[in-house]
Amino acid sequence: MRSLFLILLAMTILAAPVWAASDGEPMDMAAQPAMDHSEHDSMAAQPAMDHSEHDSMDAMDGMGAADHDHEKMMEEAEKADLPVGIDEKLGNMLPDVEFMDSTGKRVSLHELIDIPVILLPIYYRCPDVCNLLQGSMASILPDVKLQPGKEIRIVSLSFDPREKPKDAARAKRNYLALANGYPSDQWLFLTGDMHAIDAVLDSIGYTVQKQGGLWAHPVAAIAIAPGGKVVRYLYGTTFLPFDITMAGTEAAEGKVGLSIKRLLSYCYNYDPDGRRYVFDILRVSGFSILGFVVIFLAWLIFGGKKKRR
């Protein structure tokens, strides 16, 4: 019996390079899970945007929304070797800095994080992915099984220092109209100066780059525990009510969770030429073989002892 197991083990080890060599087509995954920006049809469910206060936006420099291509901006930033993305800082603490809410009132970030918070780093002028992220959040909030104001709070935080409270107020009207009765005081829309913005972005490992009048940036929601501890990253523009419910529940307990991105990094390698993740069959088969060997050795040692007794 042991000889049979040894033969199977040897065949498995010899076959691993063959599996690696026969690796099929690379899986076309975005650099962050669930970031499929081509699904803009979900925006059709959103109410008409309020364009009555464009004076602050029109004063901004740079290209217009018609020229915007989020994926292209990310590619250009990568080619120029400009850091754009997320370096997860689970367990890190948010700084105690001040922002302005949509009414122009100064608020302390730490005062807002006395309950679990889902933080949305965005900018209000973003023509697509930030709208998708906030629109998706608004559409699922009525189905999230947590009580607003006691168990969860949503905070949209602009990383563009040029944006003002009236830009935040316009966004708040738009997304609360979609949120179907969600309490207006439990979804805050903030703006701030560069010092406060940089302090928060650094604490969550979130890096952006200005390109013209717009920004190249990652897309994610971050779960924050009461007191300001970073506990989970949720990537992409769309979530299920269950995702937010679990993130809020874990944040309430202060549990630091392992993100899907980090789990996938063990099984996938990034192909810079194809700008996609490729399934690493050699790494996965290596871990599988190692696990098989450990189990087999344990069986030989402990199984043999039982027989001798």
Foldseek 3Di string as FASTA:
>chain_A
DLVVVVVVLVVLVVCLVVCQVPADDFDFAALWHAADQVPQVLCVLFDDADPPPCPLVVPFWFDAPVPDDQVVVQLVCVVVVHDADFDADAFFFADFDWWAWLVRDIDTPLVLQQAKEKEWEDALRHPGLSCLQLLQCLQAVVVQPADQPHQYAYEYEYQDQSDDSPSQVSVLVRSPVNNVPDDSVRYIYTHHHNVNSVRRCVRRRWDWDDDTRRIRHFGWIWIAANRGGTAEIGHYRHDHSVVVNVSSVCSPVVHRDDYPSVVCVQQWDADSVVNGTGGRSSSVSVVVSVVVVVVSVVCCVVVVVVVVD
